[in-house]
Amino acid sequence: MGGGQVIMDLKQDGAKVSGPMTVSGPTSSEPTNFQGRVSGNSIVLEAAHGSGTLTVKGDEMTGMVYGIMPATVSLKRQR
């Protein structure tokens, strides 16, 4: 359907995470600020107009993010 680069800048404070997500490419978006919670190897995200669940494995996160359209995301930590 579409694609693009997803950039998330999540900050963690205990079990809480927060930060913006931006999508660039053919389906670009303005930054969306997410808040969420870490539970085990999962992160559950919420925003005013979106949500998502990501699974963390090492330096990678994969899962679904829902907004205007659902998107499968695969993220890799940048150091």
C-alpha atoms as a PDB file:
ATOM      1  CA  MET A   1       0.000   0.000   0.000  1.00  0.00           C
ATOM      2  CA  GLY A   2       2.697   2.473   0.976  1.00  0.00           C
ATOM      3  CA  GLY A   3       5.944   2.804   2.743  1.00  0.00           C
ATOM      4  CA  GLY A   4       8.399   5.179   4.217  1.00  0.00           C
ATOM      5  CA  GLN A   5      10.964   5.632   6.887  1.00  0.00           C
ATOM      6  CA  VAL A   6       9.674   5.619  10.467  1.00  0.00           C
ATOM      7  CA  ILE A   7      11.687   7.536  13.045  1.00  0.00           C
ATOM      8  CA  MET A   8      10.862   7.296  16.742  1.00  0.00           C
ATOM      9  CA  ASP A   9      12.772   9.076  19.486  1.00  0.00           C
ATOM     10  CA  LEU A  10      11.480   7.315  22.596  1.00  0.00           C
ATOM     11  CA  LYS A  11      12.781   8.177  26.043  1.00  0.00           C
ATOM     12  CA  GLN A  12      12.304   5.713  28.897  1.00  0.00           C
ATOM     13  CA  ASP A  13      11.754   6.609  32.556  1.00  0.00           C
ATOM     14  CA  GLY A  14      11.172   3.396  34.490  1.00  0.00           C
ATOM     15  CA  ALA A  15       8.204   1.668  32.832  1.00  0.00           C
ATOM     16  CA  LYS A  16       7.075   4.856  31.045  1.00  0.00           C
ATOM     17  CA  VAL A  17       8.128   5.793  27.506  1.00  0.00           C
ATOM     18  CA  SER A  18       7.371   8.908  25.504  1.00  0.00           C
ATOM     19  CA  GLY A  19       8.485  10.655  22.360  1.00  0.00           C
ATOM     20  CA  PRO A  20       7.660  11.586  18.778  1.00  0.00           C
ATOM     21  CA  MET A  21       7.225   9.359  15.737  1.00  0.00           C
ATOM     22  CA  THR A  22       7.632  10.724  12.224  1.00  0.00           C
ATOM     23  CA  VAL A  23       7.000   8.967   8.905  1.00  0.00           C
ATOM     24  CA  SER A  24       8.797  10.203   5.796  1.00  0.00           C
ATOM     25  CA  GLY A  25       8.436   9.096   2.196  1.00  0.00           C
ATOM     26  CA  PRO A  26       5.304   8.707   0.058  1.00  0.00           C
ATOM     27  CA  THR A  27       3.135   8.450   3.195  1.00  0.00           C
ATOM     28  CA  SER A  28       4.801  11.195   5.270  1.00  0.00           C
ATOM     29  CA  SER A  29       3.291  12.635   8.439  1.00  0.00           C
ATOM     30  CA  GLU A  30       3.764  15.355  10.992  1.00  0.00           C
ATOM     31  CA  PRO A  31       5.370  14.116  14.218  1.00  0.00           C
ATOM     32  CA  THR A  32       2.975  12.283  16.539  1.00  0.00           C
ATOM     33  CA  ASN A  33       3.842  12.304  20.235  1.00  0.00           C
ATOM     34  CA  PHE A  34       3.340   8.926  21.858  1.00  0.00           C
ATOM     35  CA  GLN A  35       3.262   7.915  25.507  1.00  0.00           C
ATOM     36  CA  GLY A  36       3.296   4.363  26.688  1.00  0.00           C
ATOM     37  CA  ARG A  37       4.409   1.659  29.043  1.00  0.00           C
ATOM     38  CA  VAL A  38       6.989  -1.093  28.913  1.00  0.00           C
ATOM     39  CA  SER A  39       5.882  -4.514  30.112  1.00  0.00           C
ATOM     40  CA  GLY A  40       8.392  -7.311  29.693  1.00  0.00           C
ATOM     41  CA  ASN A  41       9.519  -7.187  26.063  1.00  0.00           C
ATOM     42  CA  SER A  42       6.460  -5.205  24.870  1.00  0.00           C
ATOM     43  CA  ILE A  43       5.779  -1.492  24.570  1.00  0.00           C
ATOM     44  CA  VAL A  44       2.166  -0.341  24.393  1.00  0.00           C
ATOM     45  CA  LEU A  45       1.919   3.146  22.858  1.00  0.00           C
ATOM     46  CA  GLU A  46      -0.925   5.664  22.956  1.00  0.00           C
ATOM     47  CA  ALA A  47      -1.395   9.049  21.312  1.00  0.00           C
ATOM     48  CA  ALA A  48      -4.310  11.410  20.714  1.00  0.00           C
ATOM     49  CA  HIS A  49      -4.845   9.916  17.229  1.00  0.00           C
ATOM     50  CA  GLY A  50      -3.010   6.615  17.347  1.00  0.00           C
ATOM     51  CA  SER A  51      -1.842   3.584  19.252  1.00  0.00           C
ATOM     52  CA  GLY A  52       0.504   0.690  18.829  1.00  0.00           C
ATOM     53  CA  THR A  53       2.147  -2.365  20.288  1.00  0.00           C
ATOM     54  CA  LEU A  54       5.822  -3.094  19.692  1.00  0.00           C
ATOM     55  CA  THR A  55       7.908  -6.119  20.662  1.00  0.00           C
ATOM     56  CA  VAL A  56      11.502  -5.433  21.690  1.00  0.00           C
ATOM     57  CA  LYS A  57      14.250  -7.898  20.818  1.00  0.00           C
ATOM     58  CA  GLY A  58      17.781  -6.628  21.421  1.00  0.00           C
ATOM     59  CA  ASP A  59      18.218  -3.378  19.488  1.00  0.00           C
ATOM     60  CA  GLU A  60      15.105  -3.893  17.356  1.00  0.00           C
ATOM     61  CA  MET A  61      11.377  -3.267  17.795  1.00  0.00           C
ATOM     62  CA  THR A  62       8.646  -4.606  15.532  1.00  0.00           C
ATOM     63  CA  GLY A  63       4.883  -4.381  15.629  1.00  0.00           C
ATOM     64  CA  MET A  64       1.809  -2.468  14.554  1.00  0.00           C
ATOM     65  CA  VAL A  65       1.091   1.244  14.854  1.00  0.00           C
ATOM     66  CA  TYR A  66      -2.443   2.473  14.248  1.00  0.00           C
ATOM     67  CA  GLY A  67      -3.297   5.995  13.155  1.00  0.00           C
ATOM     68  CA  ILE A  68      -5.034   7.083   9.981  1.00  0.00           C
ATOM     69  CA  MET A  69      -4.012   3.703   8.575  1.00  0.00           C
ATOM     70  CA  PRO A  70      -2.488   0.688  10.327  1.00  0.00           C
ATOM     71  CA  ALA A  71       1.203   0.208   9.649  1.00  0.00           C
ATOM     72  CA  THR A  72       3.616  -2.630  10.297  1.00  0.00           C
ATOM     73  CA  VAL A  73       6.856  -1.123  11.599  1.00  0.00           C
ATOM     74  CA  SER A  74      10.351  -2.445  12.074  1.00  0.00           C
ATOM     75  CA  LEU A  75      12.706  -0.181  14.013  1.00  0.00           C
ATOM     76  CA  LYS A  76      16.405  -0.480  14.818  1.00  0.00           C
ATOM     77  CA  ARG A  77      18.143   1.473  17.587  1.00  0.00           C
ATOM     78  CA  GLN A  78      20.572   4.109  16.345  1.00  0.00           C
ATOM     79  CA  ARG A  79      23.531   4.796  18.612  1.00  0.00           C
END
